[in-house]
Amino acid sequence: MKTFKTKDIVRSENLTLAQLRTIPKLINEWLQTDEEYTLNRLIIDQIVMFANNCTEAYAAEVIKIEKLEWVGNWKGRKNDYSSDITVWVTAIVDLGQDKIVRLSFDLFDSMIMTTDTGCSGRIAGKND
């Protein structure tokens, strides 16, 4: 699997100059890694955690990380981590029992998920 570094996160051409200026701060706050706990390990851990929490998997395995991309949120919406941009992860994941899926999610949002909400914000279900 490819080894990712923060410079490998693709920048959407739709980001404004103001949004581009916020990227270094987000990297410093969220993507600090070292020799032992690399960015790759962080991303893989978050993919597995997201898959296990949001699908029927209990021991998901990452097959391939397809893309990491800085993207602007819909209509400037702010995330619970006070940003209007997101690192969007797209990966192919083996959920076990002959199920392979493509998952896409907000990397930083997955890092602040709770067991109550499943993500940083509340998602209404069909019983709400």
Protein backbone atom coordinates (compact mmCIF):
# COMPACT_ATOMS: atom_id res chain seq x y z
CA MET A 1 0.00 0.00 0.00
CA LYS A 2 1.26 3.50 -0.83
CA THR A 3 2.81 5.48 2.02
CA PHE A 4 0.96 8.78 2.39
CA LYS A 5 2.42 12.06 3.57
CA THR A 6 0.44 15.26 4.11
CA LYS A 7 1.73 16.61 0.77
CA ASP A 8 -0.07 13.67 -0.90
CA ILE A 9 -3.47 14.97 0.17
CA VAL A 10 -4.99 16.28 -3.07
CA ARG A 11 -6.25 19.86 -2.97
CA SER A 12 -9.58 20.42 -4.65
CA GLU A 13 -9.38 23.18 -7.23
CA ASN A 14 -12.59 24.64 -5.75
CA LEU A 15 -10.96 25.72 -2.47
CA THR A 16 -10.76 29.43 -1.84
CA LEU A 17 -7.52 31.17 -0.89
CA ALA A 18 -8.86 31.61 2.66
CA GLN A 19 -9.53 27.87 2.88
CA LEU A 20 -6.04 27.03 1.58
CA ARG A 21 -4.54 29.21 4.31
CA THR A 22 -6.26 27.12 7.01
CA ILE A 23 -4.63 23.85 5.87
CA PRO A 24 -1.31 24.25 7.76
CA LYS A 25 -3.18 24.85 11.04
CA LEU A 26 -5.34 21.75 10.50
CA ILE A 27 -2.26 19.67 9.70
CA ASN A 28 -0.56 20.87 12.91
CA GLU A 29 -3.64 20.16 15.03
CA TRP A 30 -4.74 16.86 13.52
CA LEU A 31 -2.01 15.18 11.51
CA GLN A 32 1.02 15.18 13.79
CA THR A 33 2.70 11.80 13.49
CA ASP A 34 6.12 10.35 14.21
CA GLU A 35 8.34 7.54 12.95
CA GLU A 36 6.37 4.89 14.81
CA TYR A 37 2.83 6.21 14.32
CA THR A 38 2.86 7.37 10.71
CA LEU A 39 0.15 9.16 8.76
CA ASN A 40 -0.52 5.86 6.97
CA ARG A 41 -1.12 4.09 10.30
CA LEU A 42 -3.43 6.91 11.44
CA ILE A 43 -5.45 6.75 8.23
CA ILE A 44 -5.69 2.95 8.28
CA ASP A 45 -6.73 2.98 11.95
CA GLN A 46 -9.44 5.56 11.21
CA ILE A 47 -10.73 3.63 8.18
CA VAL A 48 -11.00 0.44 10.25
CA MET A 49 -12.65 2.28 13.15
CA PHE A 50 -15.12 4.01 10.82
CA ALA A 51 -15.94 0.75 9.01
CA ASN A 52 -16.42 -1.20 12.24
CA ASN A 53 -18.60 1.54 13.74
CA CYS A 54 -20.70 2.43 10.70
CA THR A 55 -21.13 -0.89 8.89
CA GLU A 56 -21.87 -4.48 9.83
CA ALA A 57 -18.14 -5.27 10.07
CA TYR A 58 -16.39 -6.10 13.30
CA ALA A 59 -12.86 -6.70 11.97
CA ALA A 60 -12.60 -4.60 8.80
CA GLU A 61 -9.41 -4.70 6.74
CA VAL A 62 -8.22 -1.97 4.39
CA ILE A 63 -7.56 -3.21 0.87
CA LYS A 64 -6.62 0.11 -0.69
CA ILE A 65 -6.66 3.80 0.16
CA GLU A 66 -7.87 5.34 -3.07
CA LYS A 67 -7.71 9.03 -2.31
CA LEU A 68 -7.14 11.68 0.34
CA GLU A 69 -8.50 15.09 -0.64
CA TRP A 70 -8.92 18.52 0.92
CA VAL A 71 -12.46 19.60 0.00
CA GLY A 72 -14.70 22.52 0.91
CA ASN A 73 -17.85 21.75 2.85
CA TRP A 74 -21.24 22.21 1.26
CA LYS A 75 -22.18 25.91 1.30
CA GLY A 76 -19.43 26.72 3.82
CA ARG A 77 -20.86 24.50 6.56
CA LYS A 78 -18.57 24.37 9.60
CA ASN A 79 -17.53 21.02 11.04
CA ASP A 80 -17.60 20.35 14.76
CA TYR A 81 -13.84 21.01 14.63
CA SER A 82 -14.55 24.60 13.40
CA SER A 83 -13.44 24.25 9.80
CA ASP A 84 -15.21 24.66 6.49
CA ILE A 85 -12.80 22.24 4.81
CA THR A 86 -12.45 18.50 5.20
CA VAL A 87 -9.91 15.78 4.50
CA TRP A 88 -12.07 13.33 2.59
CA VAL A 89 -10.83 9.71 2.67
CA THR A 90 -11.92 7.18 0.05
CA ALA A 91 -10.90 3.55 0.58
CA ILE A 92 -11.74 0.00 -0.44
CA VAL A 93 -12.45 -2.06 2.67
CA ASP A 94 -13.06 -5.77 3.28
CA LEU A 95 -15.87 -6.07 5.83
CA GLY A 96 -15.59 -9.87 6.00
CA GLN A 97 -18.24 -12.41 5.02
CA ASP A 98 -17.64 -11.74 1.31
CA LYS A 99 -18.42 -7.99 1.55
CA ILE A 100 -16.07 -5.46 0.03
CA VAL A 101 -17.15 -1.81 -0.02
CA ARG A 102 -15.87 1.63 -0.93
CA LEU A 103 -16.09 3.98 2.04
CA SER A 104 -15.74 7.76 1.94
CA PHE A 105 -15.68 9.87 5.08
CA ASP A 106 -14.29 12.96 6.80
CA LEU A 107 -10.99 11.97 8.42
CA PHE A 108 -11.08 14.51 11.25
CA ASP A 109 -14.75 13.86 11.94
CA SER A 110 -13.96 10.17 12.34
CA MET A 111 -11.31 11.10 14.88
CA ILE A 112 -13.89 12.72 17.16
CA MET A 113 -16.64 10.14 16.72
CA THR A 114 -18.46 9.03 19.82
CA THR A 115 -20.30 5.80 20.51
CA ASP A 116 -23.51 7.80 21.04
CA THR A 117 -23.53 9.72 17.77
CA GLY A 118 -21.33 7.65 15.47
CA CYS A 119 -19.72 10.89 14.29
CA SER A 120 -19.01 14.37 15.62
CA GLY A 121 -22.49 15.60 14.75
CA ARG A 122 -25.86 13.95 15.16
CA ILE A 123 -27.29 11.92 12.30
CA ALA A 124 -31.05 11.40 12.43
CA GLY A 125 -32.18 7.83 11.87
CA LYS A 126 -35.50 6.58 10.58
CA ASN A 127 -36.84 6.34 14.15
CA ASP A 128 -36.04 10.00 15.00
